[in-house]
Amino acid sequence: MAVAPEAALAFAAAPPDVRRLIRDRRYCKLLAVDSDLPFEESSKAFAWQAVEQEMALVPAGEVRLATSLAATAGWVLEANANAFCSDRVETLYLDRYPVTNADFARFVAAGAYEEADYWPEEVLPNVLQFVDITGHPGPRYWSQGRPDANKLNHPVVGVCWYEANAYAVWAGKRLPTSAEWQRAGTWSRSSSSAQLRYPWGNAFDPRKANLRAAGILDTVAVDAFPEGRSLNGVQQLIGNVWEWVRDLFHLEVSDEIAVVFDQPMAEVRGGAFDTFFQSQATCQFRTGQPYLHRSSNVGFRCCISDGRLAPLPDSMDSSEGIANA
């Protein structure tokens, strides 16, 4: 069973620097295969325990991605949602929960908005504009550089695609690709190649996701709606907030159509608390927002490829953790 995101990550027996990294949810820094930091095997064992508590293993497999194919119908431009392509996903670990306000507050407190290494050069002039309602560095809807004390365990919102990527780099992770995100919600233990429509199955259920049908019309804690989790314990892939993924959003074209957006767009997935149409709240639906979009209904979660993690220490057996997901 998944552990609530603010459950204690104490690891009292771990060295202080290891405890700090785990507390800040930067445990993947301890396990990076290309790390220059010589962590002992015991420290890596603590980090692996954190990975198995905080992240879910998503097995490799094929994903059938819906493409937004633009085609002309007379003088009208339409998007054909019945076009598909296949993509192969390799094994990865995905955060069980979206990144919370409390998580992101540690990133802000670490001075990450002033650290150029976390930001691509082309966006550095914009970083000064990534401020809250009082002009402090941080998500758009915070105040005085701090989140609402009543929403520490809600998904962080008001962050653009660049902020989401910067946090992921700081944490030693990355944003999932569109195919990886979809694989996390649609894979099945059955031998059938069919992919689920929702993380919980193929029938829509308004009780399993924070969408407009739930009547809340605001974010909720990231461990709410537990019945909507995926087979391996990933929570809220559908509902609560849209989630940034790594991919650029664009329309496929036909009939020599050129589709040009005013601003470059990144893909978002999963629907949010204000999503009305059920068709936009499936694991297959894809849409996008401008890179610099900072709204109240878009957040993110992180992942890491299995091959980017140092091997599990011999003293640990991951099978129990995975089986109990």
C-alpha atoms as a PDB file:
ATOM      1  CA  MET A   1       0.000   0.000   0.000  1.00  0.00           C
ATOM      2  CA  ALA A   2       1.227   3.500  -0.798  1.00  0.00           C
ATOM      3  CA  VAL A   3       2.408   5.660   2.088  1.00  0.00           C
ATOM      4  CA  ALA A   4       0.958   9.163   2.506  1.00  0.00           C
ATOM      5  CA  PRO A   5       3.391  11.757   1.120  1.00  0.00           C
ATOM      6  CA  GLU A   6       3.947  13.604   4.380  1.00  0.00           C
ATOM      7  CA  ALA A   7       4.525  10.413   6.360  1.00  0.00           C
ATOM      8  CA  ALA A   8       7.786  10.518   8.289  1.00  0.00           C
ATOM      9  CA  LEU A   9      10.894   9.947   6.213  1.00  0.00           C
ATOM     10  CA  ALA A  10      12.957   9.984   9.385  1.00  0.00           C
ATOM     11  CA  PHE A  11      15.496   7.201   8.771  1.00  0.00           C
ATOM     12  CA  ALA A  12      17.007   7.968  12.163  1.00  0.00           C
ATOM     13  CA  ALA A  13      19.874   5.523  11.657  1.00  0.00           C
ATOM     14  CA  ALA A  14      21.046   7.265   8.472  1.00  0.00           C
ATOM     15  CA  PRO A  15      23.891   9.838   8.500  1.00  0.00           C
ATOM     16  CA  PRO A  16      22.684  13.470   8.842  1.00  0.00           C
ATOM     17  CA  ASP A  17      23.441  14.435   5.225  1.00  0.00           C
ATOM     18  CA  VAL A  18      21.563  11.372   3.980  1.00  0.00           C
ATOM     19  CA  ARG A  19      18.592  12.128   6.237  1.00  0.00           C
ATOM     20  CA  ARG A  20      18.490  15.672   4.883  1.00  0.00           C
ATOM     21  CA  LEU A  21      18.455  14.543   1.261  1.00  0.00           C
ATOM     22  CA  ILE A  22      15.716  12.015   1.977  1.00  0.00           C
ATOM     23  CA  ARG A  23      13.655  14.560   3.950  1.00  0.00           C
ATOM     24  CA  ASP A  24      13.893  16.946   0.985  1.00  0.00           C
ATOM     25  CA  ARG A  25      12.849  14.125  -1.361  1.00  0.00           C
ATOM     26  CA  ARG A  26      16.210  14.270  -3.138  1.00  0.00           C
ATOM     27  CA  TYR A  27      17.021  10.626  -2.420  1.00  0.00           C
ATOM     28  CA  CYS A  28      17.662   9.927  -6.119  1.00  0.00           C
ATOM     29  CA  LYS A  29      20.765  12.101  -5.761  1.00  0.00           C
ATOM     30  CA  LEU A  30      22.174   9.289  -3.610  1.00  0.00           C
ATOM     31  CA  LEU A  31      21.543   6.717  -6.321  1.00  0.00           C
ATOM     32  CA  ALA A  32      22.513   8.474  -9.554  1.00  0.00           C
ATOM     33  CA  VAL A  33      24.811   6.206 -11.556  1.00  0.00           C
ATOM     34  CA  ASP A  34      26.866   9.217 -12.696  1.00  0.00           C
ATOM     35  CA  SER A  35      27.143  10.822  -9.255  1.00  0.00           C
ATOM     36  CA  ASP A  36      30.558  12.090  -8.166  1.00  0.00           C
ATOM     37  CA  LEU A  37      29.564  11.741  -4.504  1.00  0.00           C
ATOM     38  CA  PRO A  38      30.969   8.580  -2.861  1.00  0.00           C
ATOM     39  CA  PHE A  39      27.986   7.418  -0.810  1.00  0.00           C
ATOM     40  CA  GLU A  40      28.356   4.192   1.153  1.00  0.00           C
ATOM     41  CA  GLU A  41      26.225   1.145   0.428  1.00  0.00           C
ATOM     42  CA  SER A  42      24.307   1.687   3.672  1.00  0.00           C
ATOM     43  CA  SER A  43      23.338   5.192   2.538  1.00  0.00           C
ATOM     44  CA  LYS A  44      22.182   3.824  -0.817  1.00  0.00           C
ATOM     45  CA  ALA A  45      20.081   1.269   1.019  1.00  0.00           C
ATOM     46  CA  PHE A  46      18.276   4.068   2.876  1.00  0.00           C
ATOM     47  CA  ALA A  47      17.751   5.878  -0.438  1.00  0.00           C
ATOM     48  CA  TRP A  48      16.305   2.757  -2.026  1.00  0.00           C
ATOM     49  CA  GLN A  49      13.863   2.430   0.868  1.00  0.00           C
ATOM     50  CA  ALA A  50      12.749   6.002   0.168  1.00  0.00           C
ATOM     51  CA  VAL A  51      12.376   5.261  -3.559  1.00  0.00           C
ATOM     52  CA  GLU A  52      10.149   2.271  -2.881  1.00  0.00           C
ATOM     53  CA  GLN A  53       8.069   4.244  -0.386  1.00  0.00           C
ATOM     54  CA  GLU A  54       7.705   7.388  -2.489  1.00  0.00           C
ATOM     55  CA  MET A  55       7.767   6.090  -6.061  1.00  0.00           C
ATOM     56  CA  ALA A  56       6.088   3.299  -8.018  1.00  0.00           C
ATOM     57  CA  LEU A  57       7.764   0.990 -10.489  1.00  0.00           C
ATOM     58  CA  VAL A  58       6.234   1.298 -13.963  1.00  0.00           C
ATOM     59  CA  PRO A  59       7.123  -1.733 -16.097  1.00  0.00           C
ATOM     60  CA  ALA A  60       8.389  -1.433 -19.650  1.00  0.00           C
ATOM     61  CA  GLY A  61       5.884  -1.808 -22.464  1.00  0.00           C
ATOM     62  CA  GLU A  62       4.241  -0.402 -25.564  1.00  0.00           C
ATOM     63  CA  VAL A  63       1.962   2.636 -25.365  1.00  0.00           C
ATOM     64  CA  ARG A  64      -0.678   3.535 -27.945  1.00  0.00           C
ATOM     65  CA  LEU A  65      -0.671   7.332 -28.050  1.00  0.00           C
ATOM     66  CA  ALA A  66      -3.561   9.295 -29.479  1.00  0.00           C
ATOM     67  CA  THR A  67      -2.395  11.986 -31.864  1.00  0.00           C
ATOM     68  CA  SER A  68      -4.133  15.286 -32.527  1.00  0.00           C
ATOM     69  CA  LEU A  69      -4.280  15.113 -36.303  1.00  0.00           C
ATOM     70  CA  ALA A  70      -5.364  18.360 -37.910  1.00  0.00           C
ATOM     71  CA  ALA A  71      -7.384  17.987 -41.082  1.00  0.00           C
ATOM     72  CA  THR A  72      -9.566  20.264 -43.165  1.00  0.00           C
ATOM     73  CA  ALA A  73     -13.326  19.919 -43.431  1.00  0.00           C
ATOM     74  CA  GLY A  74     -14.243  22.527 -45.978  1.00  0.00           C
ATOM     75  CA  TRP A  75     -12.985  25.803 -44.526  1.00  0.00           C
ATOM     76  CA  VAL A  76     -12.877  24.372 -40.995  1.00  0.00           C
ATOM     77  CA  LEU A  77      -9.814  22.962 -39.201  1.00  0.00           C
ATOM     78  CA  GLU A  78     -10.670  19.895 -37.122  1.00  0.00           C
ATOM     79  CA  ALA A  79      -8.653  17.668 -34.782  1.00  0.00           C
ATOM     80  CA  ASN A  80      -9.041  13.982 -35.513  1.00  0.00           C
ATOM     81  CA  ALA A  81      -8.789  12.126 -32.200  1.00  0.00           C
ATOM     82  CA  ASN A  82      -8.881   8.685 -33.857  1.00  0.00           C
ATOM     83  CA  ALA A  83      -5.284   8.707 -35.067  1.00  0.00           C
ATOM     84  CA  PHE A  84      -2.741   6.702 -33.055  1.00  0.00           C
ATOM     85  CA  CYS A  85       0.957   5.949 -32.898  1.00  0.00           C
ATOM     86  CA  SER A  86       2.931   3.498 -30.787  1.00  0.00           C
ATOM     87  CA  ASP A  87       5.831   4.236 -28.478  1.00  0.00           C
ATOM     88  CA  ARG A  88       8.025   1.979 -26.363  1.00  0.00           C
ATOM     89  CA  VAL A  89       8.496   2.850 -22.695  1.00  0.00           C
ATOM     90  CA  GLU A  90      11.380   1.447 -20.674  1.00  0.00           C
ATOM     91  CA  THR A  91      11.095   0.644 -16.970  1.00  0.00           C
ATOM     92  CA  LEU A  92      10.967   3.690 -14.704  1.00  0.00           C
ATOM     93  CA  TYR A  93      10.001   4.857 -11.240  1.00  0.00           C
ATOM     94  CA  LEU A  94       7.261   7.503 -11.018  1.00  0.00           C
ATOM     95  CA  ASP A  95       6.304   9.637  -8.009  1.00  0.00           C
ATOM     96  CA  ARG A  96       3.226   8.173  -6.339  1.00  0.00           C
ATOM     97  CA  TYR A  97       1.949  11.711  -5.696  1.00  0.00           C
ATOM     98  CA  PRO A  98       2.153  15.087  -7.416  1.00  0.00           C
ATOM     99  CA  VAL A  99       4.781  17.437  -6.004  1.00  0.00           C
ATOM    100  CA  THR A 100       3.218  19.262  -3.051  1.00  0.00           C
ATOM    101  CA  ASN A 101       3.479  22.835  -1.820  1.00  0.00           C
ATOM    102  CA  ALA A 102       5.583  21.549   1.084  1.00  0.00           C
ATOM    103  CA  ASP A 103       7.941  19.793  -1.340  1.00  0.00           C
ATOM    104  CA  PHE A 104       8.309  22.855  -3.533  1.00  0.00           C
ATOM    105  CA  ALA A 105       8.871  25.102  -0.509  1.00  0.00           C
ATOM    106  CA  ARG A 106      12.125  23.215   0.177  1.00  0.00           C
ATOM    107  CA  PHE A 107      13.239  23.927  -3.378  1.00  0.00           C
ATOM    108  CA  VAL A 108      12.481  27.631  -2.922  1.00  0.00           C
ATOM    109  CA  ALA A 109      14.171  27.745   0.500  1.00  0.00           C
ATOM    110  CA  ALA A 110      17.296  26.198  -1.031  1.00  0.00           C
ATOM    111  CA  GLY A 111      17.651  29.290  -3.236  1.00  0.00           C
ATOM    112  CA  ALA A 112      17.045  27.351  -6.436  1.00  0.00           C
ATOM    113  CA  TYR A 113      15.541  30.371  -8.213  1.00  0.00           C
ATOM    114  CA  GLU A 114      18.948  32.032  -7.924  1.00  0.00           C
ATOM    115  CA  GLU A 115      20.905  28.965  -9.070  1.00  0.00           C
ATOM    116  CA  ALA A 116      21.577  29.183 -12.818  1.00  0.00           C
ATOM    117  CA  ASP A 117      22.438  25.483 -13.126  1.00  0.00           C
ATOM    118  CA  TYR A 118      18.765  24.543 -12.769  1.00  0.00           C
ATOM    119  CA  TRP A 119      17.558  26.716 -15.653  1.00  0.00           C
ATOM    120  CA  PRO A 120      18.262  26.614 -19.392  1.00  0.00           C
ATOM    121  CA  GLU A 121      20.107  29.669 -20.633  1.00  0.00           C
ATOM    122  CA  GLU A 122      17.268  30.840 -22.855  1.00  0.00           C
ATOM    123  CA  VAL A 123      14.858  31.188 -19.930  1.00  0.00           C
ATOM    124  CA  LEU A 124      17.194  32.922 -17.462  1.00  0.00           C
ATOM    125  CA  PRO A 125      15.771  36.410 -18.279  1.00  0.00           C
ATOM    126  CA  ASN A 126      12.296  35.098 -17.382  1.00  0.00           C
ATOM    127  CA  VAL A 127      13.270  33.556 -14.042  1.00  0.00           C
ATOM    128  CA  LEU A 128      13.106  36.980 -12.380  1.00  0.00           C
ATOM    129  CA  GLN A 129       9.418  37.026 -13.327  1.00  0.00           C
ATOM    130  CA  PHE A 130       8.656  33.707 -11.636  1.00  0.00           C
ATOM    131  CA  VAL A 131       7.353  35.339  -8.471  1.00  0.00           C
ATOM    132  CA  ASP A 132       4.369  35.072  -6.144  1.00  0.00           C
ATOM    133  CA  ILE A 133       1.688  37.698  -5.453  1.00  0.00           C
ATOM    134  CA  THR A 134       4.101  39.620  -3.207  1.00  0.00           C
ATOM    135  CA  GLY A 135       7.018  39.589  -5.654  1.00  0.00           C
ATOM    136  CA  HIS A 136       9.028  36.846  -3.915  1.00  0.00           C
ATOM    137  CA  PRO A 137      10.511  33.964  -5.935  1.00  0.00           C
ATOM    138  CA  GLY A 138       8.044  31.110  -6.033  1.00  0.00           C
ATOM    139  CA  PRO A 139       4.742  29.859  -7.445  1.00  0.00           C
ATOM    140  CA  ARG A 140       2.280  32.464  -8.641  1.00  0.00           C
ATOM    141  CA  TYR A 141      -0.309  32.088  -5.859  1.00  0.00           C
ATOM    142  CA  TRP A 142       2.029  31.983  -2.848  1.00  0.00           C
ATOM    143  CA  SER A 143       2.616  34.977  -0.583  1.00  0.00           C
ATOM    144  CA  GLN A 144       5.889  36.155   0.963  1.00  0.00           C
ATOM    145  CA  GLY A 145       7.623  33.185  -0.604  1.00  0.00           C
ATOM    146  CA  ARG A 146       5.438  30.722   1.298  1.00  0.00           C
ATOM    147  CA  PRO A 147       2.413  28.563   0.409  1.00  0.00           C
ATOM    148  CA  ASP A 148      -0.954  28.650   2.136  1.00  0.00           C
ATOM    149  CA  ALA A 149      -0.435  26.853   5.456  1.00  0.00           C
ATOM    150  CA  ASN A 150      -3.726  25.020   4.895  1.00  0.00           C
ATOM    151  CA  LYS A 151      -2.541  23.600   1.561  1.00  0.00           C
ATOM    152  CA  LEU A 152       0.905  22.235   2.319  1.00  0.00           C
ATOM    153  CA  ASN A 153      -0.219  18.765   1.252  1.00  0.00           C
ATOM    154  CA  HIS A 154      -1.964  20.001  -1.912  1.00  0.00           C
ATOM    155  CA  PRO A 155      -0.234  19.839  -5.297  1.00  0.00           C
ATOM    156  CA  VAL A 156       1.849  22.895  -6.052  1.00  0.00           C
ATOM    157  CA  VAL A 157       0.260  25.007  -8.809  1.00  0.00           C
ATOM    158  CA  GLY A 158       1.101  28.324 -10.408  1.00  0.00           C
ATOM    159  CA  VAL A 159       4.385  26.956 -11.736  1.00  0.00           C
ATOM    160  CA  CYS A 160       5.357  26.960 -15.398  1.00  0.00           C
ATOM    161  CA  TRP A 161       6.975  24.141 -17.337  1.00  0.00           C
ATOM    162  CA  TYR A 162      10.451  25.551 -16.686  1.00  0.00           C
ATOM    163  CA  GLU A 163       9.853  25.672 -12.926  1.00  0.00           C
ATOM    164  CA  ALA A 164       8.659  22.076 -12.958  1.00  0.00           C
ATOM    165  CA  ASN A 165      11.776  20.991 -14.850  1.00  0.00           C
ATOM    166  CA  ALA A 166      14.066  22.980 -12.529  1.00  0.00           C
ATOM    167  CA  TYR A 167      12.561  21.312  -9.455  1.00  0.00           C
ATOM    168  CA  ALA A 168      12.992  17.892 -11.068  1.00  0.00           C
ATOM    169  CA  VAL A 169      16.692  18.565 -11.757  1.00  0.00           C
ATOM    170  CA  TRP A 170      17.172  19.772  -8.171  1.00  0.00           C
ATOM    171  CA  ALA A 171      15.550  16.564  -6.912  1.00  0.00           C
ATOM    172  CA  GLY A 172      17.722  14.346  -9.110  1.00  0.00           C
ATOM    173  CA  LYS A 173      14.748  13.310 -11.245  1.00  0.00           C
ATOM    174  CA  ARG A 174      12.999  14.555 -14.409  1.00  0.00           C
ATOM    175  CA  LEU A 175       9.525  15.062 -15.816  1.00  0.00           C
ATOM    176  CA  PRO A 176       8.000  11.955 -17.413  1.00  0.00           C
ATOM    177  CA  THR A 177       7.508  11.831 -21.144  1.00  0.00           C
ATOM    178  CA  SER A 178       3.971  11.732 -22.445  1.00  0.00           C
ATOM    179  CA  ALA A 179       4.278   8.018 -23.184  1.00  0.00           C
ATOM    180  CA  GLU A 180       5.705   7.271 -19.718  1.00  0.00           C
ATOM    181  CA  TRP A 181       2.894   9.189 -18.038  1.00  0.00           C
ATOM    182  CA  GLN A 182       0.306   7.273 -20.044  1.00  0.00           C
ATOM    183  CA  ARG A 183       1.998   3.936 -19.407  1.00  0.00           C
ATOM    184  CA  ALA A 184       1.761   4.585 -15.650  1.00  0.00           C
ATOM    185  CA  GLY A 185      -2.014   4.921 -15.876  1.00  0.00           C
ATOM    186  CA  THR A 186      -2.896   2.321 -18.489  1.00  0.00           C
ATOM    187  CA  TRP A 187      -0.743  -0.770 -18.000  1.00  0.00           C
ATOM    188  CA  SER A 188      -2.510  -3.916 -16.888  1.00  0.00           C
ATOM    189  CA  ARG A 189      -1.343  -7.141 -15.278  1.00  0.00           C
ATOM    190  CA  SER A 190      -3.485  -9.138 -17.716  1.00  0.00           C
ATOM    191  CA  SER A 191      -2.013 -10.767 -20.803  1.00  0.00           C
ATOM    192  CA  SER A 192      -4.265  -8.627 -22.973  1.00  0.00           C
ATOM    193  CA  SER A 193      -2.654  -5.793 -24.917  1.00  0.00           C
ATOM    194  CA  ALA A 194      -5.643  -3.541 -24.181  1.00  0.00           C
ATOM    195  CA  GLN A 195      -4.823  -0.414 -22.200  1.00  0.00           C
ATOM    196  CA  LEU A 196      -6.991   0.988 -19.439  1.00  0.00           C
ATOM    197  CA  ARG A 197      -8.925   4.191 -20.018  1.00  0.00           C
ATOM    198  CA  TYR A 198      -8.496   5.292 -16.392  1.00  0.00           C
ATOM    199  CA  PRO A 199      -5.955   4.201 -13.751  1.00  0.00           C
ATOM    200  CA  TRP A 200      -8.720   2.273 -11.937  1.00  0.00           C
ATOM    201  CA  GLY A 201     -10.319   0.626 -14.998  1.00  0.00           C
ATOM    202  CA  ASN A 202     -12.379   1.464 -18.062  1.00  0.00           C
ATOM    203  CA  ALA A 203     -15.535   2.974 -16.543  1.00  0.00           C
ATOM    204  CA  PHE A 204     -15.683   6.610 -15.442  1.00  0.00           C
ATOM    205  CA  ASP A 205     -16.422   7.063 -11.732  1.00  0.00           C
ATOM    206  CA  PRO A 206     -16.757  10.636 -10.356  1.00  0.00           C
ATOM    207  CA  ARG A 207     -15.970   9.328  -6.867  1.00  0.00           C
ATOM    208  CA  LYS A 208     -12.445   8.374  -7.896  1.00  0.00           C
ATOM    209  CA  ALA A 209     -11.063  11.710  -9.119  1.00  0.00           C
ATOM    210  CA  ASN A 210     -11.259  15.384  -8.226  1.00  0.00           C
ATOM    211  CA  LEU A 211     -12.914  16.644 -11.396  1.00  0.00           C
ATOM    212  CA  ARG A 212     -15.699  19.191 -11.796  1.00  0.00           C
ATOM    213  CA  ALA A 213     -18.223  16.374 -11.246  1.00  0.00           C
ATOM    214  CA  ALA A 214     -16.941  16.020  -7.667  1.00  0.00           C
ATOM    215  CA  GLY A 215     -18.247  19.528  -6.901  1.00  0.00           C
ATOM    216  CA  ILE A 216     -15.163  20.659  -4.960  1.00  0.00           C
ATOM    217  CA  LEU A 217     -13.825  23.129  -7.571  1.00  0.00           C
ATOM    218  CA  ASP A 218     -10.438  23.462  -5.868  1.00  0.00           C
ATOM    219  CA  THR A 219      -7.364  21.360  -5.238  1.00  0.00           C
ATOM    220  CA  VAL A 220      -7.428  18.717  -2.510  1.00  0.00           C
ATOM    221  CA  ALA A 221      -4.634  16.915  -0.651  1.00  0.00           C
ATOM    222  CA  VAL A 222      -2.572  14.648  -2.880  1.00  0.00           C
ATOM    223  CA  ASP A 223      -3.624  11.548  -0.932  1.00  0.00           C
ATOM    224  CA  ALA A 224      -7.364  12.240  -1.371  1.00  0.00           C
ATOM    225  CA  PHE A 225      -9.455  10.049  -3.700  1.00  0.00           C
ATOM    226  CA  PRO A 226      -7.323   6.956  -2.962  1.00  0.00           C
ATOM    227  CA  GLU A 227      -9.694   4.654  -4.877  1.00  0.00           C
ATOM    228  CA  GLY A 228      -8.576   6.353  -8.085  1.00  0.00           C
ATOM    229  CA  ARG A 229      -4.989   5.133  -7.807  1.00  0.00           C
ATOM    230  CA  SER A 230      -3.331   2.968 -10.437  1.00  0.00           C
ATOM    231  CA  LEU A 231      -2.561  -0.728 -10.055  1.00  0.00           C
ATOM    232  CA  ASN A 232       0.840   0.042  -8.554  1.00  0.00           C
ATOM    233  CA  GLY A 233      -0.288   2.851  -6.259  1.00  0.00           C
ATOM    234  CA  VAL A 234       0.181   6.030  -8.321  1.00  0.00           C
ATOM    235  CA  GLN A 235      -2.339   8.579  -7.033  1.00  0.00           C
ATOM    236  CA  GLN A 236      -4.295  11.257  -8.903  1.00  0.00           C
ATOM    237  CA  LEU A 237      -3.047  10.731 -12.419  1.00  0.00           C
ATOM    238  CA  ILE A 238      -6.591  11.780 -13.258  1.00  0.00           C
ATOM    239  CA  GLY A 239      -8.038  14.906 -11.648  1.00  0.00           C
ATOM    240  CA  ASN A 240      -6.951  17.454  -9.048  1.00  0.00           C
ATOM    241  CA  VAL A 241      -4.418  19.165 -11.362  1.00  0.00           C
ATOM    242  CA  TRP A 242      -3.198  18.814 -14.915  1.00  0.00           C
ATOM    243  CA  GLU A 243       0.414  17.621 -14.968  1.00  0.00           C
ATOM    244  CA  TRP A 244       3.279  18.966 -17.054  1.00  0.00           C
ATOM    245  CA  VAL A 245       5.212  16.322 -19.017  1.00  0.00           C
ATOM    246  CA  ARG A 246       8.481  16.689 -20.922  1.00  0.00           C
ATOM    247  CA  ASP A 247       7.047  16.670 -24.435  1.00  0.00           C
ATOM    248  CA  LEU A 248       6.377  19.561 -26.735  1.00  0.00           C
ATOM    249  CA  PHE A 249       2.695  19.790 -27.671  1.00  0.00           C
ATOM    250  CA  HIS A 250       1.931  20.103 -31.342  1.00  0.00           C
ATOM    251  CA  LEU A 251      -0.726  19.101 -33.834  1.00  0.00           C
ATOM    252  CA  GLU A 252       0.101  16.513 -36.444  1.00  0.00           C
ATOM    253  CA  VAL A 253      -0.896  17.829 -39.842  1.00  0.00           C
ATOM    254  CA  SER A 254      -2.389  16.502 -43.016  1.00  0.00           C
ATOM    255  CA  ASP A 255      -3.375  17.993 -46.354  1.00  0.00           C
ATOM    256  CA  GLU A 256      -0.312  20.267 -46.188  1.00  0.00           C
ATOM    257  CA  ILE A 257      -1.754  22.218 -43.246  1.00  0.00           C
ATOM    258  CA  ALA A 258       0.624  24.319 -41.162  1.00  0.00           C
ATOM    259  CA  VAL A 259      -0.444  24.837 -37.532  1.00  0.00           C
ATOM    260  CA  VAL A 260       1.502  27.580 -35.771  1.00  0.00           C
ATOM    261  CA  PHE A 261       1.011  28.483 -32.089  1.00  0.00           C
ATOM    262  CA  ASP A 262       1.616  31.993 -30.753  1.00  0.00           C
ATOM    263  CA  GLN A 263       3.933  30.486 -28.115  1.00  0.00           C
ATOM    264  CA  PRO A 264       5.717  27.133 -27.869  1.00  0.00           C
ATOM    265  CA  MET A 265       3.615  24.699 -25.851  1.00  0.00           C
ATOM    266  CA  ALA A 266       4.353  21.747 -23.591  1.00  0.00           C
ATOM    267  CA  GLU A 267       1.963  18.886 -23.057  1.00  0.00           C
ATOM    268  CA  VAL A 268      -0.236  18.551 -19.973  1.00  0.00           C
ATOM    269  CA  ARG A 269      -2.079  15.416 -18.920  1.00  0.00           C
ATOM    270  CA  GLY A 270      -4.828  14.127 -16.650  1.00  0.00           C
ATOM    271  CA  GLY A 271      -7.461  16.831 -16.170  1.00  0.00           C
ATOM    272  CA  ALA A 272      -8.024  18.975 -13.079  1.00  0.00           C
ATOM    273  CA  PHE A 273     -10.576  19.982 -10.460  1.00  0.00           C
ATOM    274  CA  ASP A 274     -12.324  22.223 -13.001  1.00  0.00           C
ATOM    275  CA  THR A 275     -12.347  19.768 -15.933  1.00  0.00           C
ATOM    276  CA  PHE A 276     -15.939  19.347 -17.096  1.00  0.00           C
ATOM    277  CA  PHE A 277     -15.752  16.929 -20.015  1.00  0.00           C
ATOM    278  CA  GLN A 278     -15.093  13.283 -19.181  1.00  0.00           C
ATOM    279  CA  SER A 279     -13.360  12.897 -22.546  1.00  0.00           C
ATOM    280  CA  GLN A 280     -10.613  15.241 -21.290  1.00  0.00           C
ATOM    281  CA  ALA A 281     -10.085  13.212 -18.118  1.00  0.00           C
ATOM    282  CA  THR A 282      -8.721   9.967 -19.511  1.00  0.00           C
ATOM    283  CA  CYS A 283      -5.212   8.569 -19.620  1.00  0.00           C
ATOM    284  CA  GLN A 284      -5.230   8.990 -23.407  1.00  0.00           C
ATOM    285  CA  PHE A 285      -6.291  12.643 -23.733  1.00  0.00           C
ATOM    286  CA  ARG A 286      -3.508  15.057 -24.657  1.00  0.00           C
ATOM    287  CA  THR A 287      -3.443  18.845 -24.724  1.00  0.00           C
ATOM    288  CA  GLY A 288      -0.937  21.613 -24.103  1.00  0.00           C
ATOM    289  CA  GLN A 289      -0.173  24.952 -22.479  1.00  0.00           C
ATOM    290  CA  PRO A 290       2.503  27.594 -23.209  1.00  0.00           C
ATOM    291  CA  TYR A 291       5.836  26.930 -21.502  1.00  0.00           C
ATOM    292  CA  LEU A 292       5.419  30.016 -19.292  1.00  0.00           C
ATOM    293  CA  HIS A 293       1.805  29.249 -18.300  1.00  0.00           C
ATOM    294  CA  ARG A 294       1.368  29.513 -14.498  1.00  0.00           C
ATOM    295  CA  SER A 295      -2.230  28.648 -13.644  1.00  0.00           C
ATOM    296  CA  SER A 296      -4.157  27.406 -10.622  1.00  0.00           C
ATOM    297  CA  ASN A 297      -4.907  24.004 -12.162  1.00  0.00           C
ATOM    298  CA  VAL A 298      -1.523  22.775 -13.458  1.00  0.00           C
ATOM    299  CA  GLY A 299       1.084  20.959 -11.370  1.00  0.00           C
ATOM    300  CA  PHE A 300       3.492  18.077 -11.979  1.00  0.00           C
ATOM    301  CA  ARG A 301       5.184  14.942 -10.675  1.00  0.00           C
ATOM    302  CA  CYS A 302       8.645  13.517 -11.342  1.00  0.00           C
ATOM    303  CA  CYS A 303      10.185  10.254 -12.424  1.00  0.00           C
ATOM    304  CA  ILE A 304      13.536   8.581 -13.008  1.00  0.00           C
ATOM    305  CA  SER A 305      14.561   5.865 -15.433  1.00  0.00           C
ATOM    306  CA  ASP A 306      15.407   2.563 -13.780  1.00  0.00           C
ATOM    307  CA  GLY A 307      18.749   2.567 -15.597  1.00  0.00           C
ATOM    308  CA  ARG A 308      19.729   5.875 -13.949  1.00  0.00           C
ATOM    309  CA  LEU A 309      19.691   4.339 -10.467  1.00  0.00           C
ATOM    310  CA  ALA A 310      22.616   2.546  -8.856  1.00  0.00           C
ATOM    311  CA  PRO A 311      21.883  -1.169  -8.326  1.00  0.00           C
ATOM    312  CA  LEU A 312      19.932  -2.222  -5.296  1.00  0.00           C
ATOM    313  CA  PRO A 313      22.335  -3.233  -2.476  1.00  0.00           C
ATOM    314  CA  ASP A 314      22.580  -6.990  -1.923  1.00  0.00           C
ATOM    315  CA  SER A 315      21.103  -6.530   1.556  1.00  0.00           C
ATOM    316  CA  MET A 316      17.774  -5.382   0.068  1.00  0.00           C
ATOM    317  CA  ASP A 317      15.092  -7.193  -1.903  1.00  0.00           C
ATOM    318  CA  SER A 318      12.829  -4.842  -3.881  1.00  0.00           C
ATOM    319  CA  SER A 319      10.269  -7.499  -4.729  1.00  0.00           C
ATOM    320  CA  GLU A 320       8.424  -7.095  -1.423  1.00  0.00           C
ATOM    321  CA  GLY A 321       8.165  -3.334  -1.802  1.00  0.00           C
ATOM    322  CA  ILE A 322       6.926  -3.606  -5.363  1.00  0.00           C
ATOM    323  CA  ALA A 323       4.427  -6.333  -4.533  1.00  0.00           C
ATOM    324  CA  ASN A 324       2.960  -4.226  -1.737  1.00  0.00           C
ATOM    325  CA  ALA A 325       2.531  -1.139  -3.916  1.00  0.00           C
END
